[in-house]
C-alpha atoms as a PDB file:
ATOM      1  CA  MET A   1     -56.717  11.158  81.991  1.00  0.00           C
ATOM      2  CA  LYS A   2     -57.545  11.349  78.306  1.00  0.00           C
ATOM      3  CA  PHE A   3     -55.108  14.251  77.862  1.00  0.00           C
ATOM      4  CA  VAL A   4     -52.367  12.451  79.256  1.00  0.00           C
ATOM      5  CA  ALA A   5     -52.830   9.341  77.168  1.00  0.00           C
ATOM      6  CA  VAL A   6     -52.843  11.571  73.888  1.00  0.00           C
ATOM      7  CA  PHE A   7     -49.636  13.279  75.118  1.00  0.00           C
ATOM      8  CA  THR A   8     -48.064   9.875  75.840  1.00  0.00           C
ATOM      9  CA  PHE A   9     -48.922   8.530  72.313  1.00  0.00           C
ATOM     10  CA  LEU A  10     -47.430  11.730  70.640  1.00  0.00           C
ATOM     11  CA  PHE A  11     -44.299  11.523  72.727  1.00  0.00           C
ATOM     12  CA  LEU A  12     -43.615   7.956  71.898  1.00  0.00           C
ATOM     13  CA  ALA A  13     -44.514   8.449  68.224  1.00  0.00           C
ATOM     14  CA  CYS A  14     -41.973  11.416  67.999  1.00  0.00           C
ATOM     15  CA  THR A  15     -39.376   9.553  70.020  1.00  0.00           C
ATOM     16  CA  ALA A  16     -39.837   6.366  67.550  1.00  0.00           C
ATOM     17  CA  GLY A  17     -39.561   8.699  64.518  1.00  0.00           C
ATOM     18  CA  ALA A  18     -36.541  10.331  65.921  1.00  0.00           C
ATOM     19  CA  GLN A  19     -34.843   7.148  66.641  1.00  0.00           C
ATOM     20  CA  GLN A  20     -35.554   5.832  63.146  1.00  0.00           C
ATOM     21  CA  TRP A  21     -32.694   7.483  61.689  1.00  0.00           C
ATOM     22  CA  ARG A  22     -30.366   5.669  63.868  1.00  0.00           C
ATOM     23  CA  VAL A  23     -31.920   2.318  62.882  1.00  0.00           C
ATOM     24  CA  GLU A  24     -31.270   3.088  59.068  1.00  0.00           C
ATOM     25  CA  PHE A  25     -27.845   4.192  60.072  1.00  0.00           C
ATOM     26  CA  ARG A  26     -26.811   1.126  61.899  1.00  0.00           C
ATOM     27  CA  GLU A  27     -28.288  -1.035  59.077  1.00  0.00           C
ATOM     28  CA  GLY A  28     -26.357   0.926  56.687  1.00  0.00           C
ATOM     29  CA  ASN A  29     -23.188   0.234  58.485  1.00  0.00           C
ATOM     30  CA  LYS A  30     -23.859  -3.428  58.557  1.00  0.00           C
ATOM     31  CA  LEU A  31     -24.435  -3.610  54.815  1.00  0.00           C
ATOM     32  CA  TYR A  32     -21.393  -1.417  54.145  1.00  0.00           C
ATOM     33  CA  GLU A  33     -19.137  -3.976  56.165  1.00  0.00           C
ATOM     34  CA  ALA A  34     -20.778  -6.910  54.256  1.00  0.00           C
ATOM     35  CA  GLY A  35     -19.754  -5.239  50.919  1.00  0.00           C
ATOM     36  CA  LYS A  36     -23.332  -4.419  49.982  1.00  0.00           C
ATOM     37  CA  TYR A  37     -22.440  -0.847  49.082  1.00  0.00           C
ATOM     38  CA  GLN A  38     -25.535   0.052  46.838  1.00  0.00           C
ATOM     39  CA  GLU A  39     -27.968  -1.173  49.834  1.00  0.00           C
ATOM     40  CA  ALA A  40     -25.857   0.629  52.440  1.00  0.00           C
ATOM     41  CA  TYR A  41     -25.919   3.713  50.406  1.00  0.00           C
ATOM     42  CA  ASP A  42     -29.614   3.743  50.317  1.00  0.00           C
ATOM     43  CA  HIS A  43     -29.962   3.237  54.058  1.00  0.00           C
ATOM     44  CA  PHE A  44     -27.412   6.213  54.507  1.00  0.00           C
ATOM     45  CA  ILE A  45     -29.511   8.339  52.470  1.00  0.00           C
ATOM     46  CA  SER A  46     -32.712   7.338  54.247  1.00  0.00           C
ATOM     47  CA  ALA A  47     -30.968   8.086  57.590  1.00  0.00           C
ATOM     48  CA  GLN A  48     -29.819  11.332  56.464  1.00  0.00           C
ATOM     49  CA  GLN A  49     -33.391  12.288  55.417  1.00  0.00           C
ATOM     50  CA  GLN A  50     -34.950  11.488  58.946  1.00  0.00           C
ATOM     51  CA  ALA A  51     -31.900  12.563  61.085  1.00  0.00           C
ATOM     52  CA  PRO A  52     -32.038  16.024  62.894  1.00  0.00           C
ATOM     53  CA  GLU A  53     -30.615  18.970  61.049  1.00  0.00           C
ATOM     54  CA  ASN A  54     -27.384  18.787  63.185  1.00  0.00           C
ATOM     55  CA  ILE A  55     -26.767  15.175  61.926  1.00  0.00           C
ATOM     56  CA  ASP A  56     -24.354  15.020  58.899  1.00  0.00           C
ATOM     57  CA  LEU A  57     -23.871  11.599  57.484  1.00  0.00           C
ATOM     58  CA  SER A  58     -21.920  12.895  54.293  1.00  0.00           C
ATOM     59  CA  LYS A  59     -18.881  11.024  55.071  1.00  0.00           C
ATOM     60  CA  GLU A  60     -20.819   7.606  55.200  1.00  0.00           C
ATOM     61  CA  ILE A  61     -22.815   8.532  51.940  1.00  0.00           C
ATOM     62  CA  SER A  62     -19.651   9.487  50.138  1.00  0.00           C
ATOM     63  CA  ARG A  63     -17.811   6.266  51.215  1.00  0.00           C
ATOM     64  CA  ALA A  64     -20.710   4.175  49.994  1.00  0.00           C
ATOM     65  CA  ALA A  65     -20.910   6.051  46.769  1.00  0.00           C
ATOM     66  CA  TYR A  66     -17.247   5.605  46.156  1.00  0.00           C
ATOM     67  CA  ARG A  67     -17.388   1.805  46.819  1.00  0.00           C
ATOM     68  CA  LYS A  68     -20.327   1.458  44.513  1.00  0.00           C
ATOM     69  CA  GLY A  69     -18.459   3.284  41.586  1.00  0.00           C
ATOM     70  CA  GLU A  70     -20.307   6.691  41.920  1.00  0.00           C
ATOM     71  CA  TYR A  71     -16.925   8.608  41.679  1.00  0.00           C
ATOM     72  CA  LYS A  72     -18.537  12.002  40.688  1.00  0.00           C
ATOM     73  CA  GLU A  73     -21.034  11.773  43.367  1.00  0.00           C
ATOM     74  CA  ALA A  74     -18.637  10.765  46.039  1.00  0.00           C
ATOM     75  CA  GLU A  75     -16.088  13.456  44.889  1.00  0.00           C
ATOM     76  CA  GLN A  76     -18.926  16.169  45.229  1.00  0.00           C
ATOM     77  CA  ASN A  77     -19.922  14.793  48.755  1.00  0.00           C
ATOM     78  CA  PHE A  78     -16.140  14.941  49.996  1.00  0.00           C
ATOM     79  CA  TYR A  79     -15.821  18.553  48.483  1.00  0.00           C
ATOM     80  CA  ASN A  80     -19.096  19.609  50.225  1.00  0.00           C
ATOM     81  CA  GLN A  81     -17.315  18.477  53.705  1.00  0.00           C
ATOM     82  CA  LEU A  82     -14.606  20.705  53.336  1.00  0.00           C
ATOM     83  CA  GLN A  83     -16.152  23.835  54.731  1.00  0.00           C
ATOM     84  CA  ASP A  84     -17.229  21.933  57.923  1.00  0.00           C
ATOM     85  CA  ALA A  85     -13.923  20.243  58.400  1.00  0.00           C
ATOM     86  CA  GLN A  86     -12.231  21.303  61.675  1.00  0.00           C
ATOM     87  CA  THR A  87      -8.596  20.652  61.409  1.00  0.00           C
ATOM     88  CA  PRO A  88      -5.973  20.698  58.429  1.00  0.00           C
ATOM     89  CA  GLU A  89      -5.640  16.863  58.745  1.00  0.00           C
ATOM     90  CA  ASP A  90      -9.442  16.446  58.277  1.00  0.00           C
ATOM     91  CA  LYS A  91      -9.228  18.797  55.130  1.00  0.00           C
ATOM     92  CA  ALA A  92      -6.114  16.823  54.010  1.00  0.00           C
ATOM     93  CA  ALA A  93      -8.155  13.651  54.361  1.00  0.00           C
ATOM     94  CA  LEU A  94     -11.029  14.982  52.141  1.00  0.00           C
ATOM     95  CA  TYR A  95      -8.625  16.149  49.334  1.00  0.00           C
ATOM     96  CA  HIS A  96      -7.033  12.803  49.433  1.00  0.00           C
ATOM     97  CA  ASN A  97     -10.198  10.927  49.134  1.00  0.00           C
ATOM     98  CA  MET A  98     -11.287  13.501  46.138  1.00  0.00           C
ATOM     99  CA  GLY A  99      -7.869  12.494  44.434  1.00  0.00           C
ATOM    100  CA  ASN A 100      -8.817   8.846  44.823  1.00  0.00           C
ATOM    101  CA  CYS A 101     -12.069   9.628  43.156  1.00  0.00           C
ATOM    102  CA  ASN A 102     -10.177  11.321  40.236  1.00  0.00           C
ATOM    103  CA  MET A 103      -7.859   8.479  40.037  1.00  0.00           C
ATOM    104  CA  GLN A 104     -10.759   5.867  39.500  1.00  0.00           C
ATOM    105  CA  ASP A 105     -12.224   8.147  36.853  1.00  0.00           C
ATOM    106  CA  LYS A 106      -8.700   8.337  35.092  1.00  0.00           C
ATOM    107  CA  ASN A 107      -8.700  12.122  35.549  1.00  0.00           C
ATOM    108  CA  TYR A 108      -5.235  12.136  36.518  1.00  0.00           C
ATOM    109  CA  ALA A 109      -4.668  15.967  36.216  1.00  0.00           C
ATOM    110  CA  GLU A 110      -7.324  16.492  38.767  1.00  0.00           C
ATOM    111  CA  ALA A 111      -5.883  13.843  41.044  1.00  0.00           C
ATOM    112  CA  VAL A 112      -2.589  15.480  41.036  1.00  0.00           C
ATOM    113  CA  GLU A 113      -4.100  18.857  42.124  1.00  0.00           C
ATOM    114  CA  ASN A 114      -6.084  17.227  44.826  1.00  0.00           C
ATOM    115  CA  TYR A 115      -3.142  15.158  46.329  1.00  0.00           C
ATOM    116  CA  LYS A 116      -0.950  18.239  46.285  1.00  0.00           C
ATOM    117  CA  ASN A 117      -3.592  20.105  48.273  1.00  0.00           C
ATOM    118  CA  ALA A 118      -3.758  17.429  50.720  1.00  0.00           C
ATOM    119  CA  LEU A 119       0.173  17.357  51.037  1.00  0.00           C
ATOM    120  CA  ARG A 120       0.107  21.241  51.639  1.00  0.00           C
ATOM    121  CA  LEU A 121      -2.169  20.482  54.599  1.00  0.00           C
ATOM    122  CA  ASN A 122      -0.532  17.500  55.755  1.00  0.00           C
ATOM    123  CA  PRO A 123       3.040  17.181  54.434  1.00  0.00           C
ATOM    124  CA  GLN A 124       3.562  13.937  56.649  1.00  0.00           C
ATOM    125  CA  ALA A 125       1.000  11.899  54.730  1.00  0.00           C
ATOM    126  CA  SER A 126       3.063   9.274  53.080  1.00  0.00           C
ATOM    127  CA  GLU A 127       0.045   7.378  51.403  1.00  0.00           C
ATOM    128  CA  THR A 128      -0.682  10.697  49.772  1.00  0.00           C
ATOM    129  CA  ARG A 129       2.800  11.386  48.677  1.00  0.00           C
ATOM    130  CA  TYR A 130       2.804   7.852  47.049  1.00  0.00           C
ATOM    131  CA  ASN A 131      -0.612   8.218  45.430  1.00  0.00           C
ATOM    132  CA  LEU A 132       0.746  11.743  43.923  1.00  0.00           C
ATOM    133  CA  ALA A 133       3.706  10.195  42.325  1.00  0.00           C
ATOM    134  CA  GLU A 134       1.431   7.491  40.891  1.00  0.00           C
ATOM    135  CA  ALA A 135      -0.944  10.023  39.486  1.00  0.00           C
ATOM    136  CA  LYS A 136       1.985  11.836  37.927  1.00  0.00           C
ATOM    137  CA  ARG A 137       3.181   8.751  36.259  1.00  0.00           C
ATOM    138  CA  ARG A 138      -0.147   7.956  34.997  1.00  0.00           C
ATOM    139  CA  LEU A 139      -0.735  11.506  33.716  1.00  0.00           C
ATOM    140  CA  GLN A 140       2.637  11.348  31.809  1.00  0.00           C
ATOM    141  CA  GLN A 141       1.622   8.110  30.335  1.00  0.00           C
ATOM    142  CA  GLN A 142      -1.891   9.303  29.339  1.00  0.00           C
ATOM    143  CA  GLU A 143      -0.411  12.392  27.776  1.00  0.00           C
ATOM    144  CA  LYS A 144       2.082  10.283  25.805  1.00  0.00           C
ATOM    145  CA  GLN A 145      -0.717   7.804  24.482  1.00  0.00           C
ATOM    146  CA  ASP A 146      -2.815  10.980  23.643  1.00  0.00           C
ATOM    147  CA  GLN A 147       0.017  12.428  21.831  1.00  0.00           C
ATOM    148  CA  GLN A 148       0.596   9.011  19.952  1.00  0.00           C
ATOM    149  CA  LYS A 149      -3.096   8.857  19.216  1.00  0.00           C
ATOM    150  CA  GLN A 150      -3.040  12.402  17.780  1.00  0.00           C
ATOM    151  CA  GLN A 151       0.018  11.460  15.670  1.00  0.00           C
ATOM    152  CA  GLU A 152      -1.714   8.361  14.389  1.00  0.00           C
ATOM    153  CA  GLU A 153      -4.904  10.221  13.409  1.00  0.00           C
ATOM    154  CA  GLN A 154      -2.686  12.912  11.659  1.00  0.00           C
ATOM    155  CA  GLN A 155      -0.766  10.319   9.858  1.00  0.00           C
ATOM    156  CA  ASN A 156      -4.111   8.551   8.734  1.00  0.00           C
ATOM    157  CA  GLN A 157      -5.282  11.873   7.639  1.00  0.00           C
ATOM    158  CA  ASP A 158      -2.290  12.611   5.716  1.00  0.00           C
ATOM    159  CA  GLN A 159      -2.218   9.112   4.143  1.00  0.00           C
ATOM    160  CA  GLN A 160      -5.881   9.642   3.187  1.00  0.00           C
ATOM    161  CA  GLU A 161      -5.139  13.001   1.683  1.00  0.00           C
ATOM    162  CA  GLN A 162      -2.111  11.539  -0.250  1.00  0.00           C
ATOM    163  CA  GLN A 163      -4.133   8.515  -1.570  1.00  0.00           C
ATOM    164  CA  LYS A 164      -6.680  11.213  -2.736  1.00  0.00           C
ATOM    165  CA  ASP A 165      -4.021  13.202  -4.407  1.00  0.00           C
ATOM    166  CA  ASP A 166      -2.723  10.048  -6.014  1.00  0.00           C
ATOM    167  CA  GLN A 167      -6.097   9.070  -7.262  1.00  0.00           C
ATOM    168  CA  GLN A 168      -6.432  12.650  -8.919  1.00  0.00           C
ATOM    169  CA  ASN A 169      -3.062  12.258 -10.405  1.00  0.00           C
ATOM    170  CA  GLN A 170      -3.927   8.828 -11.830  1.00  0.00           C
ATOM    171  CA  ASP A 171      -7.043  10.087 -13.226  1.00  0.00           C
ATOM    172  CA  GLN A 172      -5.437  13.143 -14.757  1.00  0.00           C
ATOM    173  CA  GLN A 173      -2.772  10.800 -16.414  1.00  0.00           C
ATOM    174  CA  ALA A 174      -5.333   8.460 -17.742  1.00  0.00           C
ATOM    175  CA  GLN A 175      -7.218  11.387 -19.103  1.00  0.00           C
ATOM    176  CA  GLN A 176      -4.085  12.975 -20.834  1.00  0.00           C
ATOM    177  CA  LYS A 177      -3.235   9.332 -22.140  1.00  0.00           C
ATOM    178  CA  GLN A 178      -6.687   9.027 -23.636  1.00  0.00           C
ATOM    179  CA  ASN A 179      -6.278  12.379 -25.307  1.00  0.00           C
ATOM    180  CA  GLN A 180      -2.900  11.468 -26.394  1.00  0.00           C
ATOM    181  CA  GLU A 181      -4.224   8.120 -27.966  1.00  0.00           C
ATOM    182  CA  GLY A 182      -7.168  10.007 -29.540  1.00  0.00           C
ATOM    183  CA  GLN A 183      -4.871  12.638 -31.453  1.00  0.00           C
ATOM    184  CA  PRO A 184      -2.652  10.072 -33.391  1.00  0.00           C
ATOM    185  CA  GLN A 185      -5.772   8.276 -34.317  1.00  0.00           C
ATOM    186  CA  ASN A 186      -7.072  11.446 -35.938  1.00  0.00           C
ATOM    187  CA  GLN A 187      -3.519  12.020 -37.422  1.00  0.00           C
ATOM    188  CA  GLN A 188      -3.722   8.488 -38.786  1.00  0.00           C
ATOM    189  CA  GLN A 189      -7.060   9.038 -40.440  1.00  0.00           C
ATOM    190  CA  SER A 190      -5.628  12.037 -42.140  1.00  0.00           C
ATOM    191  CA  GLU A 191      -2.549  10.224 -43.308  1.00  0.00           C
ATOM    192  CA  ASN A 192      -4.745   7.410 -44.569  1.00  0.00           C
ATOM    193  CA  GLN A 193      -6.930  10.012 -46.331  1.00  0.00           C
ATOM    194  CA  SER A 194      -3.918  11.639 -47.871  1.00  0.00           C
ATOM    195  CA  GLN A 195      -2.464   8.081 -48.970  1.00  0.00           C
ATOM    196  CA  GLN A 196      -5.904   7.309 -50.491  1.00  0.00           C
ATOM    197  CA  ASN A 197      -5.759  10.541 -52.400  1.00  0.00           C
ATOM    198  CA  ASN A 198      -2.121   9.966 -53.426  1.00  0.00           C
ATOM    199  CA  ASN A 199      -3.025   6.425 -54.712  1.00  0.00           C
ATOM    200  CA  SER A 200      -6.051   7.850 -56.365  1.00  0.00           C
ATOM    201  CA  ASN A 201      -3.680  10.284 -58.153  1.00  0.00           C
ATOM    202  CA  ASN A 202      -1.251   7.598 -58.966  1.00  0.00           C
ATOM    203  CA  SER A 203      -3.844   5.590 -60.416  1.00  0.00           C
ATOM    204  CA  SER A 204      -4.983   8.389 -62.718  1.00  0.00           C
ATOM    205  CA  SER A 205      -1.315   8.825 -63.844  1.00  0.00           C
ATOM    206  CA  SER A 206      -1.086   5.265 -64.477  1.00  0.00           C
ATOM    207  CA  LYS A 207      -4.092   5.142 -66.643  1.00  0.00           C
ATOM    208  CA  SER A 208      -2.857   8.215 -68.611  1.00  0.00           C
ATOM    209  CA  SER A 209       0.567   6.597 -69.222  1.00  0.00           C
ATOM    210  CA  PRO A 210      -0.451   4.013 -71.835  1.00  0.00           C
ATOM    211  CA  GLN A 211      -2.102   6.817 -73.839  1.00  0.00           C
ATOM    212  CA  GLN A 212       0.917   8.594 -73.712  1.00  0.00           C
ATOM    213  CA  SER A 213       2.831   5.734 -74.919  1.00  0.00           C
ATOM    214  CA  ASP A 214       0.359   4.828 -77.517  1.00  0.00           C
ATOM    215  CA  LYS A 215       0.691   8.365 -78.852  1.00  0.00           C
ATOM    216  CA  LEU A 216       4.570   8.251 -78.883  1.00  0.00           C
ATOM    217  CA  SER A 217       4.358   4.865 -80.836  1.00  0.00           C
ATOM    218  CA  SER A 218       1.987   6.452 -83.537  1.00  0.00           C
ATOM    219  CA  LYS A 219       4.346   9.218 -84.148  1.00  0.00           C
ATOM    220  CA  LYS A 220       7.408   6.892 -84.334  1.00  0.00           C
ATOM    221  CA  THR A 221       5.297   4.708 -86.770  1.00  0.00           C
ATOM    222  CA  GLU A 222       4.456   7.614 -88.877  1.00  0.00           C
ATOM    223  CA  ARG A 223       8.115   8.675 -89.131  1.00  0.00           C
ATOM    224  CA  LEU A 224       9.204   5.254 -90.158  1.00  0.00           C
ATOM    225  CA  LEU A 225       6.389   5.077 -92.734  1.00  0.00           C
ATOM    226  CA  ASP A 226       7.530   8.521 -94.173  1.00  0.00           C
ATOM    227  CA  GLU A 227      11.146   7.144 -94.364  1.00  0.00           C
ATOM    228  CA  LEU A 228      10.033   3.996 -96.192  1.00  0.00           C
ATOM    229  CA  MET A 229       7.961   5.983 -98.560  1.00  0.00           C
ATOM    230  CA  LYS A 230      10.970   8.295 -99.393  1.00  0.00           C
ATOM    231  CA  GLN A 231      13.287   5.256 -99.968  1.00  0.00           C
ATOM    232  CA  GLU A 232      10.742   3.815-102.216  1.00  0.00           C
ATOM    233  CA  MET A 233      10.513   6.949-104.134  1.00  0.00           C
ATOM    234  CA  ASN A 234      14.175   7.122-104.362  1.00  0.00           C
ATOM    235  CA  THR A 235      14.263   3.513-105.578  1.00  0.00           C
ATOM    236  CA  LYS A 236      11.841   4.217-108.166  1.00  0.00           C
ATOM    237  CA  ARG A 237      13.725   7.224-109.556  1.00  0.00           C
ATOM    238  CA  LYS A 238      16.934   5.164-109.911  1.00  0.00           C
ATOM    239  CA  LEU A 239      15.000   2.377-111.727  1.00  0.00           C
ATOM    240  CA  ARG A 240      13.634   4.750-114.175  1.00  0.00           C
ATOM    241  CA  GLY A 241      17.125   6.325-114.695  1.00  0.00           C
ATOM    242  CA  LEU A 242      18.250   2.996-115.810  1.00  0.00           C
ATOM    243  CA  GLY A 243      15.517   2.289-118.211  1.00  0.00           C
ATOM    244  CA  SER A 244      16.398   5.154-120.571  1.00  0.00           C
ATOM    245  CA  GLY A 245      15.373   3.398-123.933  1.00  0.00           C
ATOM    246  CA  GLY A 246      11.891   3.700-123.061  1.00  0.00           C
ATOM    247  CA  LYS A 247      11.317   0.241-122.482  1.00  0.00           C
ATOM    248  CA  GLU A 248      10.457  -1.133-119.064  1.00  0.00           C
ATOM    249  CA  GLU A 249      12.702  -3.577-117.493  1.00  0.00           C
ATOM    250  CA  GLN A 250      11.882  -6.337-115.343  1.00  0.00           C
ATOM    251  CA  VAL A 251      13.749  -6.781-112.056  1.00  0.00           C
ATOM    252  CA  LYS A 252      14.783  -9.869-110.540  1.00  0.00           C
ATOM    253  CA  SER A 253      12.293  -9.728-107.847  1.00  0.00           C
ATOM    254  CA  GLY A 254       9.675 -10.567-110.727  1.00  0.00           C
ATOM    255  CA  LYS A 255       7.547  -7.343-110.102  1.00  0.00           C
ATOM    256  CA  ARG A 256       7.213  -4.846-112.620  1.00  0.00           C
ATOM    257  CA  TRP A 257       7.196  -1.185-111.426  1.00  0.00           C
END
């Protein structure tokens, strides 16, 4: 009787444990429908951990991860389900969902590839075809924006280099101007020195000129005196010749020679 009671207890405990994942799974579905994706995701993860090995809740986990914004995780979960997909349509749906994850991450190149893979498996999927066209349009727009951004960055870089070159040229011109302004100053100093020397020479010449003039005036005076003396001598001779009687004559001037 005791053995039967223990067996019954273990059976009920195992049964309760085995059914707990179902409780978590149902609660996850309710929360997902209510828009509480984070809580739904947590319940799906708990249900998967408690579920038997043959139970795969990857689809529910992927959907909850996508809805709560974990696009990388959702894409990986969709990818992991590909090997277990039974039909081309199921695989196409997984590729479609992976493309949607790429679109949310703005990874438009990967989205284009995943949508193409989905259409190869299910060419009749109109929604996938529409998403592929939108992914291509956004990819072209993204590439154009990237190209414009690169051009702007290159222009900014060129502008900075040009400004740097202009600044260097201005510095060189300023240095050359400074050198040119310094050279005339030295030349002007030399000219001023030369002018001072010339003035000094002229001053010396000026000082010597009166001496030369005085010297010339003295010579002229001496000549005039010599002439006067000669004239006086001649006059005396003439006067002596007139007084031949041996007596001295008195001239009208009242002077006696």
